[in-house]
C-alpha atoms as a PDB file:
ATOM      1  CA  MET A   1       0.114  -0.027   0.257  1.00  0.00           C
ATOM      2  CA  ALA A   2       1.319   3.398  -0.985  1.00  0.00           C
ATOM      3  CA  VAL A   3       2.573   5.707   1.872  1.00  0.00           C
ATOM      4  CA  LYS A   4      -0.015   8.580   2.524  1.00  0.00           C
ATOM      5  CA  GLU A   5       2.167  11.765   2.159  1.00  0.00           C
ATOM      6  CA  SER A   6      -0.396  14.786   1.590  1.00  0.00           C
ATOM      7  CA  VAL A   7      -1.265  16.986   4.589  1.00  0.00           C
ATOM      8  CA  TYR A   8      -4.680  19.066   4.206  1.00  0.00           C
ATOM      9  CA  PHE A   9      -5.556  22.371   5.641  1.00  0.00           C
ATOM     10  CA  VAL A  10      -8.675  24.095   6.070  1.00  0.00           C
ATOM     11  CA  SER A  11     -10.501  27.015   8.202  1.00  0.00           C
ATOM     12  CA  ASP A  12     -13.749  28.858   8.439  1.00  0.00           C
ATOM     13  CA  LEU A  13     -16.518  26.591   7.157  1.00  0.00           C
ATOM     14  CA  HIS A  14     -18.634  28.327   9.752  1.00  0.00           C
ATOM     15  CA  LEU A  15     -21.161  25.346   9.290  1.00  0.00           C
ATOM     16  CA  GLY A  16     -24.669  25.899  10.539  1.00  0.00           C
ATOM     17  CA  LEU A  17     -24.363  29.665   9.889  1.00  0.00           C
ATOM     18  CA  GLN A  18     -26.079  29.983   6.581  1.00  0.00           C
ATOM     19  CA  GLU A  19     -29.181  28.812   4.232  1.00  0.00           C
ATOM     20  CA  PRO A  20     -29.893  25.127   3.724  1.00  0.00           C
ATOM     21  CA  LEU A  21     -28.629  25.436   0.271  1.00  0.00           C
ATOM     22  CA  GLU A  22     -25.214  27.018   1.159  1.00  0.00           C
ATOM     23  CA  GLU A  23     -24.977  24.281   3.912  1.00  0.00           C
ATOM     24  CA  GLU A  24     -25.331  21.717   1.601  1.00  0.00           C
ATOM     25  CA  ARG A  25     -22.795  22.954  -0.789  1.00  0.00           C
ATOM     26  CA  LYS A  26     -20.300  23.251   1.807  1.00  0.00           C
ATOM     27  CA  LEU A  27     -21.152  19.842   3.174  1.00  0.00           C
ATOM     28  CA  ARG A  28     -20.668  18.270  -0.104  1.00  0.00           C
ATOM     29  CA  ALA A  29     -17.276  20.212  -0.712  1.00  0.00           C
ATOM     30  CA  PHE A  30     -16.089  18.992   2.585  1.00  0.00           C
ATOM     31  CA  ALA A  31     -17.103  15.504   1.619  1.00  0.00           C
ATOM     32  CA  ARG A  32     -14.875  15.771  -1.449  1.00  0.00           C
ATOM     33  CA  LEU A  33     -11.925  17.294   0.447  1.00  0.00           C
ATOM     34  CA  ALA A  34     -12.388  14.211   2.854  1.00  0.00           C
ATOM     35  CA  ASP A  35     -12.366  11.737  -0.219  1.00  0.00           C
ATOM     36  CA  MET A  36      -8.772  13.413  -1.195  1.00  0.00           C
ATOM     37  CA  ALA A  37      -7.538  12.925   2.014  1.00  0.00           C
ATOM     38  CA  VAL A  38      -8.692   9.502   2.604  1.00  0.00           C
ATOM     39  CA  SER A  39      -7.030   8.764  -0.908  1.00  0.00           C
ATOM     40  CA  ASP A  40      -3.482  10.249  -0.299  1.00  0.00           C
ATOM     41  CA  GLY A  41      -3.747  12.223   2.929  1.00  0.00           C
ATOM     42  CA  ALA A  42      -1.498  11.607   6.179  1.00  0.00           C
ATOM     43  CA  ALA A  43      -3.119  14.462   7.950  1.00  0.00           C
ATOM     44  CA  LEU A  44      -6.063  17.049   7.955  1.00  0.00           C
ATOM     45  CA  TYR A  45      -5.961  20.063  10.180  1.00  0.00           C
ATOM     46  CA  MET A  46      -9.050  22.196  10.602  1.00  0.00           C
ATOM     47  CA  LEU A  47      -8.079  25.465  11.720  1.00  0.00           C
ATOM     48  CA  GLY A  48     -10.885  26.857  13.721  1.00  0.00           C
ATOM     49  CA  ASP A  49     -14.583  28.201  13.102  1.00  0.00           C
ATOM     50  CA  VAL A  50     -15.599  25.115  11.459  1.00  0.00           C
ATOM     51  CA  LEU A  51     -18.582  25.218  13.054  1.00  0.00           C
ATOM     52  CA  ASP A  52     -20.438  28.650  13.628  1.00  0.00           C
ATOM     53  CA  TYR A  53     -21.079  27.655  17.578  1.00  0.00           C
ATOM     54  CA  TRP A  54     -20.721  24.490  19.352  1.00  0.00           C
ATOM     55  CA  MET A  55     -21.462  23.607  23.175  1.00  0.00           C
ATOM     56  CA  GLU A  56     -21.594  20.084  24.558  1.00  0.00           C
ATOM     57  CA  PHE A  57     -22.666  18.582  27.715  1.00  0.00           C
ATOM     58  CA  ARG A  58     -21.637  15.480  29.514  1.00  0.00           C
ATOM     59  CA  ASN A  59     -24.389  13.422  28.223  1.00  0.00           C
ATOM     60  CA  VAL A  60     -25.862  15.896  25.541  1.00  0.00           C
ATOM     61  CA  VAL A  61     -24.551  17.288  22.233  1.00  0.00           C
ATOM     62  CA  PRO A  62     -26.227  20.047  19.873  1.00  0.00           C
ATOM     63  CA  LYS A  63     -28.148  18.348  16.714  1.00  0.00           C
ATOM     64  CA  GLY A  64     -27.447  19.510  13.359  1.00  0.00           C
ATOM     65  CA  PHE A  65     -23.864  18.257  12.541  1.00  0.00           C
ATOM     66  CA  THR A  66     -24.557  14.544  12.135  1.00  0.00           C
ATOM     67  CA  ARG A  67     -23.238  14.154   8.469  1.00  0.00           C
ATOM     68  CA  PHE A  68     -20.095  16.283   9.016  1.00  0.00           C
ATOM     69  CA  PHE A  69     -19.227  14.284  12.266  1.00  0.00           C
ATOM     70  CA  CYS A  70     -19.678  11.073  10.156  1.00  0.00           C
ATOM     71  CA  ILE A  71     -17.346  12.445   7.596  1.00  0.00           C
ATOM     72  CA  LEU A  72     -14.606  13.074  10.102  1.00  0.00           C
ATOM     73  CA  ARG A  73     -14.900   9.624  11.726  1.00  0.00           C
ATOM     74  CA  ARG A  74     -14.601   8.244   8.159  1.00  0.00           C
ATOM     75  CA  LEU A  75     -11.306   9.906   7.840  1.00  0.00           C
ATOM     76  CA  VAL A  76     -10.172   8.550  11.256  1.00  0.00           C
ATOM     77  CA  ASP A  77     -11.235   5.223  10.242  1.00  0.00           C
ATOM     78  CA  ALA A  78      -9.200   5.377   7.133  1.00  0.00           C
ATOM     79  CA  GLY A  79      -6.013   6.193   9.151  1.00  0.00           C
ATOM     80  CA  VAL A  80      -6.098   9.934   8.491  1.00  0.00           C
ATOM     81  CA  GLU A  81      -5.020  11.967  11.440  1.00  0.00           C
ATOM     82  CA  VAL A  82      -7.407  14.728  12.020  1.00  0.00           C
ATOM     83  CA  ARG A  83      -7.019  17.739  14.436  1.00  0.00           C
ATOM     84  CA  TRP A  84      -9.120  20.411  14.954  1.00  0.00           C
ATOM     85  CA  LEU A  85      -8.136  23.666  16.447  1.00  0.00           C
ATOM     86  CA  ALA A  86     -10.973  25.852  18.133  1.00  0.00           C
ATOM     87  CA  GLY A  87     -11.619  29.235  16.665  1.00  0.00           C
ATOM     88  CA  ASN A  88     -13.637  32.223  18.153  1.00  0.00           C
ATOM     89  CA  HIS A  89     -17.144  30.286  17.186  1.00  0.00           C
ATOM     90  CA  ASP A  90     -16.077  27.003  17.918  1.00  0.00           C
ATOM     91  CA  PHE A  91     -14.060  27.973  20.936  1.00  0.00           C
ATOM     92  CA  TYR A  92     -14.457  25.085  23.358  1.00  0.00           C
ATOM     93  CA  LEU A  93     -14.275  21.377  22.053  1.00  0.00           C
ATOM     94  CA  GLY A  94     -15.478  18.949  24.429  1.00  0.00           C
ATOM     95  CA  SER A  95     -14.973  15.265  25.123  1.00  0.00           C
ATOM     96  CA  PHE A  96     -17.397  14.136  22.345  1.00  0.00           C
ATOM     97  CA  ILE A  97     -15.045  15.279  19.469  1.00  0.00           C
ATOM     98  CA  GLU A  98     -11.945  13.175  20.749  1.00  0.00           C
ATOM     99  CA  ARG A  99     -13.681  10.316  22.584  1.00  0.00           C
ATOM    100  CA  GLU A 100     -16.399   9.592  20.011  1.00  0.00           C
ATOM    101  CA  LEU A 101     -14.847  11.072  16.729  1.00  0.00           C
ATOM    102  CA  GLY A 102     -11.169  10.196  17.550  1.00  0.00           C
ATOM    103  CA  VAL A 103     -10.320  13.844  16.449  1.00  0.00           C
ATOM    104  CA  GLY A 104      -7.422  15.544  18.347  1.00  0.00           C
ATOM    105  CA  THR A 105      -8.309  19.057  19.511  1.00  0.00           C
ATOM    106  CA  GLY A 106      -6.404  22.087  20.704  1.00  0.00           C
ATOM    107  CA  TYR A 107      -6.373  25.697  21.219  1.00  0.00           C
ATOM    108  CA  GLY A 108      -4.099  28.722  20.282  1.00  0.00           C
ATOM    109  CA  MET A 109      -0.910  28.065  18.015  1.00  0.00           C
ATOM    110  CA  GLU A 110       0.604  24.686  17.423  1.00  0.00           C
ATOM    111  CA  GLU A 111       3.771  23.604  15.628  1.00  0.00           C
ATOM    112  CA  VAL A 112       3.793  20.321  13.740  1.00  0.00           C
ATOM    113  CA  GLU A 113       6.293  18.714  11.209  1.00  0.00           C
ATOM    114  CA  HIS A 114       5.731  16.753   8.016  1.00  0.00           C
ATOM    115  CA  GLY A 115       8.049  15.798   5.509  1.00  0.00           C
ATOM    116  CA  GLY A 116      10.924  17.741   7.245  1.00  0.00           C
ATOM    117  CA  ARG A 117       9.017  20.916   7.211  1.00  0.00           C
ATOM    118  CA  ARG A 118       7.734  23.112  10.273  1.00  0.00           C
ATOM    119  CA  PHE A 119       3.991  24.227  10.215  1.00  0.00           C
ATOM    120  CA  LEU A 120       3.005  26.706  12.733  1.00  0.00           C
ATOM    121  CA  ILE A 121      -1.021  26.473  12.667  1.00  0.00           C
ATOM    122  CA  ALA A 122      -3.448  28.684  14.584  1.00  0.00           C
ATOM    123  CA  HIS A 123      -6.915  29.748  13.950  1.00  0.00           C
ATOM    124  CA  GLY A 124      -5.626  33.275  14.560  1.00  0.00           C
ATOM    125  CA  ASP A 125      -7.862  34.767  17.299  1.00  0.00           C
ATOM    126  CA  GLY A 126      -5.980  36.276  20.217  1.00  0.00           C
ATOM    127  CA  LEU A 127      -2.677  36.171  18.349  1.00  0.00           C
ATOM    128  CA  GLY A 128      -0.728  39.542  17.923  1.00  0.00           C
ATOM    129  CA  GLU A 129      -1.449  43.012  19.367  1.00  0.00           C
ATOM    130  CA  GLY A 130      -4.943  44.289  20.149  1.00  0.00           C
ATOM    131  CA  ASP A 131      -8.539  43.059  20.690  1.00  0.00           C
ATOM    132  CA  LEU A 132      -7.904  42.798  24.535  1.00  0.00           C
ATOM    133  CA  GLY A 133     -11.877  42.426  25.027  1.00  0.00           C
ATOM    134  CA  TYR A 134     -11.846  39.141  23.057  1.00  0.00           C
ATOM    135  CA  LYS A 135      -8.716  37.651  24.592  1.00  0.00           C
ATOM    136  CA  LEU A 136     -10.511  38.493  28.229  1.00  0.00           C
ATOM    137  CA  PHE A 137     -13.658  36.756  26.744  1.00  0.00           C
ATOM    138  CA  ALA A 138     -12.036  33.728  25.454  1.00  0.00           C
ATOM    139  CA  ARG A 139     -10.041  33.251  28.987  1.00  0.00           C
ATOM    140  CA  PHE A 140     -13.514  33.554  30.623  1.00  0.00           C
ATOM    141  CA  ALA A 141     -15.422  31.151  28.113  1.00  0.00           C
ATOM    142  CA  ARG A 142     -12.807  28.362  28.296  1.00  0.00           C
ATOM    143  CA  ASN A 143     -12.527  28.253  32.017  1.00  0.00           C
ATOM    144  CA  ARG A 144     -13.498  25.016  33.125  1.00  0.00           C
ATOM    145  CA  PHE A 145     -15.131  26.400  36.423  1.00  0.00           C
ATOM    146  CA  ASN A 146     -17.143  28.548  34.228  1.00  0.00           C
ATOM    147  CA  LEU A 147     -18.156  26.187  31.639  1.00  0.00           C
ATOM    148  CA  GLY A 148     -19.188  23.667  34.672  1.00  0.00           C
ATOM    149  CA  LEU A 149     -21.877  26.283  35.883  1.00  0.00           C
ATOM    150  CA  LEU A 150     -22.942  26.618  32.164  1.00  0.00           C
ATOM    151  CA  THR A 151     -23.875  23.117  32.253  1.00  0.00           C
ATOM    152  CA  LEU A 152     -26.243  23.471  35.145  1.00  0.00           C
ATOM    153  CA  PHE A 153     -28.583  25.419  32.719  1.00  0.00           C
ATOM    154  CA  HIS A 154     -30.961  23.510  30.674  1.00  0.00           C
ATOM    155  CA  ALA A 155     -29.355  22.419  27.361  1.00  0.00           C
ATOM    156  CA  ASP A 156     -31.796  24.203  25.254  1.00  0.00           C
ATOM    157  CA  LEU A 157     -31.222  27.393  27.081  1.00  0.00           C
ATOM    158  CA  ALA A 158     -27.178  26.820  27.161  1.00  0.00           C
ATOM    159  CA  THR A 159     -26.915  26.012  23.325  1.00  0.00           C
ATOM    160  CA  GLY A 160     -29.136  29.419  22.691  1.00  0.00           C
ATOM    161  CA  LEU A 161     -26.524  30.978  24.624  1.00  0.00           C
ATOM    162  CA  MET A 162     -23.695  29.769  22.474  1.00  0.00           C
ATOM    163  CA  ARG A 163     -25.528  30.727  19.458  1.00  0.00           C
ATOM    164  CA  TRP A 164     -25.937  34.353  20.805  1.00  0.00           C
ATOM    165  CA  LEU A 165     -22.205  34.577  21.689  1.00  0.00           C
ATOM    166  CA  SER A 166     -21.469  33.147  18.322  1.00  0.00           C
ATOM    167  CA  ARG A 167     -23.273  36.192  16.833  1.00  0.00           C
ATOM    168  CA  LEU A 168     -21.880  38.513  19.264  1.00  0.00           C
ATOM    169  CA  SER A 169     -18.171  37.380  18.096  1.00  0.00           C
ATOM    170  CA  ARG A 170     -19.263  38.047  14.472  1.00  0.00           C
ATOM    171  CA  ASP A 171     -20.741  41.441  15.179  1.00  0.00           C
ATOM    172  CA  HIS A 172     -17.785  42.771  17.120  1.00  0.00           C
ATOM    173  CA  LYS A 173     -16.018  45.277  14.565  1.00  0.00           C
ATOM    174  CA  PRO A 174     -12.490  46.360  15.302  1.00  0.00           C
ATOM    175  CA  VAL A 175     -12.042  49.979  15.256  1.00  0.00           C
ATOM    176  CA  ASN A 176      -9.289  49.653  12.555  1.00  0.00           C
ATOM    177  CA  LEU A 177     -10.308  47.093  10.122  1.00  0.00           C
ATOM    178  CA  SER A 178      -7.250  47.558   7.889  1.00  0.00           C
ATOM    179  CA  TYR A 179      -5.171  46.794  11.114  1.00  0.00           C
ATOM    180  CA  GLU A 180      -7.115  43.872  12.187  1.00  0.00           C
ATOM    181  CA  ASN A 181      -7.015  42.465   8.331  1.00  0.00           C
ATOM    182  CA  ASP A 182      -3.089  42.931   8.578  1.00  0.00           C
ATOM    183  CA  ARG A 183      -2.571  41.832  12.181  1.00  0.00           C
ATOM    184  CA  LEU A 184      -2.134  37.963  11.573  1.00  0.00           C
ATOM    185  CA  LEU A 185       0.258  38.567   9.019  1.00  0.00           C
ATOM    186  CA  ASN A 186       2.294  41.262  10.804  1.00  0.00           C
ATOM    187  CA  PHE A 187       2.394  38.639  13.719  1.00  0.00           C
ATOM    188  CA  ALA A 188       3.855  35.951  11.414  1.00  0.00           C
ATOM    189  CA  ARG A 189       6.198  38.626   9.985  1.00  0.00           C
ATOM    190  CA  SER A 190       7.325  39.282  13.759  1.00  0.00           C
ATOM    191  CA  LEU A 191       7.393  35.455  14.304  1.00  0.00           C
ATOM    192  CA  ALA A 192       9.735  34.821  11.287  1.00  0.00           C
ATOM    193  CA  THR A 193      12.393  36.903  13.105  1.00  0.00           C
ATOM    194  CA  GLU A 194      12.357  34.969  16.433  1.00  0.00           C
ATOM    195  CA  ARG A 195      11.578  31.384  15.218  1.00  0.00           C
ATOM    196  CA  ASP A 196      12.708  28.872  12.668  1.00  0.00           C
ATOM    197  CA  PHE A 197       9.485  27.295  10.476  1.00  0.00           C
ATOM    198  CA  ASP A 198       8.546  26.887   6.893  1.00  0.00           C
ATOM    199  CA  TYR A 199       4.756  27.834   6.869  1.00  0.00           C
ATOM    200  CA  PHE A 200       2.577  29.698   9.253  1.00  0.00           C
ATOM    201  CA  LEU A 201      -1.214  28.880   8.531  1.00  0.00           C
ATOM    202  CA  CYS A 202      -4.216  30.405   9.939  1.00  0.00           C
ATOM    203  CA  GLY A 203      -7.826  31.612   9.003  1.00  0.00           C
ATOM    204  CA  HIS A 204      -9.959  33.997  11.141  1.00  0.00           C
ATOM    205  CA  ASN A 205     -10.099  37.044   9.315  1.00  0.00           C
ATOM    206  CA  HIS A 206     -11.039  35.410   6.116  1.00  0.00           C
ATOM    207  CA  VAL A 207      -8.407  37.166   3.888  1.00  0.00           C
ATOM    208  CA  LEU A 208      -7.276  34.574   1.774  1.00  0.00           C
ATOM    209  CA  GLY A 209      -3.652  34.852   0.274  1.00  0.00           C
ATOM    210  CA  GLU A 210      -0.061  33.935   1.116  1.00  0.00           C
ATOM    211  CA  HIS A 211       3.133  35.873   1.644  1.00  0.00           C
ATOM    212  CA  GLU A 212       6.833  35.437   1.861  1.00  0.00           C
ATOM    213  CA  LEU A 213       8.065  36.479   5.118  1.00  0.00           C
ATOM    214  CA  PRO A 214      11.045  38.270   6.307  1.00  0.00           C
ATOM    215  CA  GLY A 215      14.416  36.419   5.653  1.00  0.00           C
ATOM    216  CA  GLY A 216      12.823  34.563   2.520  1.00  0.00           C
ATOM    217  CA  ARG A 217      12.812  31.217   4.334  1.00  0.00           C
ATOM    218  CA  SER A 218       9.115  30.998   5.536  1.00  0.00           C
ATOM    219  CA  ARG A 219       5.624  31.886   4.088  1.00  0.00           C
ATOM    220  CA  TYR A 220       2.327  33.210   5.559  1.00  0.00           C
ATOM    221  CA  VAL A 221      -1.014  31.467   4.325  1.00  0.00           C
ATOM    222  CA  ASN A 222      -4.207  32.420   5.249  1.00  0.00           C
ATOM    223  CA  LEU A 223      -7.234  30.026   4.238  1.00  0.00           C
ATOM    224  CA  GLY A 224      -9.915  32.210   3.611  1.00  0.00           C
ATOM    225  CA  SER A 225     -13.325  30.976   4.463  1.00  0.00           C
ATOM    226  CA  TRP A 226     -15.984  29.196   2.678  1.00  0.00           C
ATOM    227  CA  ILE A 227     -19.124  31.296   3.535  1.00  0.00           C
ATOM    228  CA  ASP A 228     -18.695  33.515   0.249  1.00  0.00           C
ATOM    229  CA  GLY A 229     -19.217  30.509  -2.345  1.00  0.00           C
ATOM    230  CA  SER A 230     -15.633  29.628  -2.702  1.00  0.00           C
ATOM    231  CA  THR A 231     -14.118  26.502  -0.789  1.00  0.00           C
ATOM    232  CA  PRO A 232     -10.235  27.259  -0.401  1.00  0.00           C
ATOM    233  CA  TYR A 233      -7.902  24.881   1.180  1.00  0.00           C
ATOM    234  CA  ALA A 234      -4.207  24.165   1.062  1.00  0.00           C
ATOM    235  CA  VAL A 235      -2.282  20.814   0.442  1.00  0.00           C
ATOM    236  CA  TYR A 236       1.318  20.157   1.124  1.00  0.00           C
ATOM    237  CA  ARG A 237       2.793  17.454  -0.965  1.00  0.00           C
ATOM    238  CA  GLU A 238       6.276  16.587  -2.342  1.00  0.00           C
ATOM    239  CA  GLY A 239       7.907  19.341  -0.710  1.00  0.00           C
ATOM    240  CA  SER A 240       5.436  22.221  -1.411  1.00  0.00           C
ATOM    241  CA  LEU A 241       2.464  23.770  -0.169  1.00  0.00           C
ATOM    242  CA  ARG A 242      -0.363  24.903  -2.511  1.00  0.00           C
ATOM    243  CA  LEU A 243      -3.372  27.055  -1.843  1.00  0.00           C
ATOM    244  CA  LEU A 244      -6.119  25.679  -4.095  1.00  0.00           C
ATOM    245  CA  ASP A 245      -9.918  25.649  -4.128  1.00  0.00           C
ATOM    246  CA  LEU A 246     -12.252  22.557  -4.477  1.00  0.00           C
ATOM    247  CA  GLN A 247     -14.466  24.515  -7.025  1.00  0.00           C
ATOM    248  CA  PRO A 248     -14.425  22.927 -10.451  1.00  0.00           C
END
């Protein structure tokens, strides 16, 4: 059997946000991406805001994402390493994701290595300077004690609260939008002067693109989003990383 060497990256699907036809489009596209990963993928990294909201309890999880979870389980059963970093919408990923689906979860920025290349991966929320309000909110919302208090609510009430917080996060607009759009790129530029890595991949601000970083040794890649009709992703294969789209 051939060795699977491709590594896939995707971010900001925001499943559950849009009208049924758009949700169907995104699910079908993700299923195609999964087929590709099953065929030749060693790993799939999902860099946050994959779901537009998420809240789970010890014995209860929200309805509405069954097809997506089945796709994830199929990937894991096929031997693909799947890792999901939380974003500012799916900002807390509980035990259901890991225990039932076999998907690894994480928060903040992580470093992984494939094919001798170092990848720094993150959703992007809370990185760099500015947006102190969100950073304080994320620390509060991901606190285990506070989450424990939330489970005292009825599941429908708590899930409704999560939906409201998700909308609140979307409605929050930074004072300086141009600075916010460049914040992650500036963070990566600064990081490139301090650390040795090959690629910095993120999402969050939906600004699709890639840039060479200072020193010429590493690149910044923003994976964009799936909410405007496009379906961007990145794949690392045979020593290089390409930013592509699933659209025909």
